[in-house]
Amino acid sequence: MGVLVLVAGCMTDSVMLVHPQTQLAAQCGPYYFTGASSGVFSKAAAMERERDCISDYQRQGYERR
């Protein structure tokens, strides 16, 4: 039953990024979260993983689409 709670959570939208020179595409997400207010499966943790992913690609020259 506890596993169903973890699996039945929500997810963030995926974010597409494209490098303007090479036209290579990258995707961040989707990242899954539960209704927990803290911890590795929280919405805040999912949003932080998404922000980190986007930042990493932007440092490499990728732009959000």
C-alpha atoms as a PDB file:
ATOM      1  CA  MET A   1       0.000   0.000   0.000  1.00  0.00           C
ATOM      2  CA  GLY A   2       2.842   2.408   0.820  1.00  0.00           C
ATOM      3  CA  VAL A   3       4.368   1.815  -2.611  1.00  0.00           C
ATOM      4  CA  LEU A   4       1.102   2.842  -4.243  1.00  0.00           C
ATOM      5  CA  VAL A   5       1.274   6.180  -2.438  1.00  0.00           C
ATOM      6  CA  LEU A   6       4.739   6.828  -3.865  1.00  0.00           C
ATOM      7  CA  VAL A   7       3.798   5.743  -7.374  1.00  0.00           C
ATOM      8  CA  ALA A   8       0.502   7.619  -7.369  1.00  0.00           C
ATOM      9  CA  GLY A   9       2.188  11.007  -6.998  1.00  0.00           C
ATOM     10  CA  CYS A  10       2.417  13.826  -9.465  1.00  0.00           C
ATOM     11  CA  MET A  11       5.131  15.025 -11.788  1.00  0.00           C
ATOM     12  CA  THR A  12       6.571  18.269 -13.068  1.00  0.00           C
ATOM     13  CA  ASP A  13       6.323  19.166 -16.735  1.00  0.00           C
ATOM     14  CA  SER A  14       9.339  18.359 -18.852  1.00  0.00           C
ATOM     15  CA  VAL A  15      11.377  21.295 -20.147  1.00  0.00           C
ATOM     16  CA  MET A  16      12.979  21.243 -23.588  1.00  0.00           C
ATOM     17  CA  LEU A  17      16.204  23.096 -24.278  1.00  0.00           C
ATOM     18  CA  VAL A  18      17.992  23.553 -27.609  1.00  0.00           C
ATOM     19  CA  HIS A  19      21.568  24.582 -28.306  1.00  0.00           C
ATOM     20  CA  PRO A  20      21.348  27.465 -30.828  1.00  0.00           C
ATOM     21  CA  GLN A  21      24.524  26.515 -32.712  1.00  0.00           C
ATOM     22  CA  THR A  22      24.291  22.733 -32.862  1.00  0.00           C
ATOM     23  CA  GLN A  23      20.472  22.450 -32.676  1.00  0.00           C
ATOM     24  CA  LEU A  24      20.918  19.560 -30.250  1.00  0.00           C
ATOM     25  CA  ALA A  25      17.944  19.158 -27.941  1.00  0.00           C
ATOM     26  CA  ALA A  26      17.960  18.273 -24.257  1.00  0.00           C
ATOM     27  CA  GLN A  27      15.129  17.480 -21.885  1.00  0.00           C
ATOM     28  CA  CYS A  28      14.866  18.076 -18.157  1.00  0.00           C
ATOM     29  CA  GLY A  29      12.170  16.099 -16.415  1.00  0.00           C
ATOM     30  CA  PRO A  30       9.575  15.123 -15.793  1.00  0.00           C
ATOM     31  CA  TYR A  31      10.412  14.732 -12.116  1.00  0.00           C
ATOM     32  CA  TYR A  32       8.009  12.823  -9.896  1.00  0.00           C
ATOM     33  CA  PHE A  33       6.842  13.840  -6.433  1.00  0.00           C
ATOM     34  CA  THR A  34       4.303  12.805  -3.822  1.00  0.00           C
ATOM     35  CA  GLY A  35       2.175  14.827  -1.468  1.00  0.00           C
ATOM     36  CA  ALA A  36       4.953  14.732   1.132  1.00  0.00           C
ATOM     37  CA  SER A  37       5.922  18.205   2.317  1.00  0.00           C
ATOM     38  CA  SER A  38       9.617  17.348   2.668  1.00  0.00           C
ATOM     39  CA  GLY A  39      12.132  14.725   1.670  1.00  0.00           C
ATOM     40  CA  VAL A  40      13.454  13.304  -1.568  1.00  0.00           C
ATOM     41  CA  PHE A  41       9.954  12.760  -2.995  1.00  0.00           C
ATOM     42  CA  SER A  42       8.597  16.231  -2.176  1.00  0.00           C
ATOM     43  CA  LYS A  43       7.466  18.751  -4.772  1.00  0.00           C
ATOM     44  CA  ALA A  44      10.200  21.145  -3.612  1.00  0.00           C
ATOM     45  CA  ALA A  45      12.864  18.484  -4.247  1.00  0.00           C
ATOM     46  CA  ALA A  46      11.439  17.760  -7.719  1.00  0.00           C
ATOM     47  CA  MET A  47      11.449  21.447  -8.586  1.00  0.00           C
ATOM     48  CA  GLU A  48      15.033  21.796  -7.342  1.00  0.00           C
ATOM     49  CA  ARG A  49      16.162  18.879  -9.532  1.00  0.00           C
ATOM     50  CA  GLU A  50      14.443  20.532 -12.498  1.00  0.00           C
ATOM     51  CA  ARG A  51      16.098  23.916 -11.773  1.00  0.00           C
ATOM     52  CA  ASP A  52      19.506  22.251 -11.441  1.00  0.00           C
ATOM     53  CA  CYS A  53      19.071  20.399 -14.733  1.00  0.00           C
ATOM     54  CA  ILE A  54      18.005  23.557 -16.581  1.00  0.00           C
ATOM     55  CA  SER A  55      20.883  25.548 -15.087  1.00  0.00           C
ATOM     56  CA  ASP A  56      23.419  22.896 -16.103  1.00  0.00           C
ATOM     57  CA  TYR A  57      22.270  22.987 -19.721  1.00  0.00           C
ATOM     58  CA  GLN A  58      22.055  26.792 -19.809  1.00  0.00           C
ATOM     59  CA  ARG A  59      25.696  26.992 -18.647  1.00  0.00           C
ATOM     60  CA  GLN A  60      26.510  24.879 -21.716  1.00  0.00           C
ATOM     61  CA  GLY A  61      24.732  27.363 -24.009  1.00  0.00           C
ATOM     62  CA  TYR A  62      21.326  25.695 -24.302  1.00  0.00           C
ATOM     63  CA  GLU A  63      18.186  27.847 -24.372  1.00  0.00           C
ATOM     64  CA  ARG A  64      14.666  26.990 -23.206  1.00  0.00           C
ATOM     65  CA  ARG A  65      12.051  26.409 -25.920  1.00  0.00           C
END
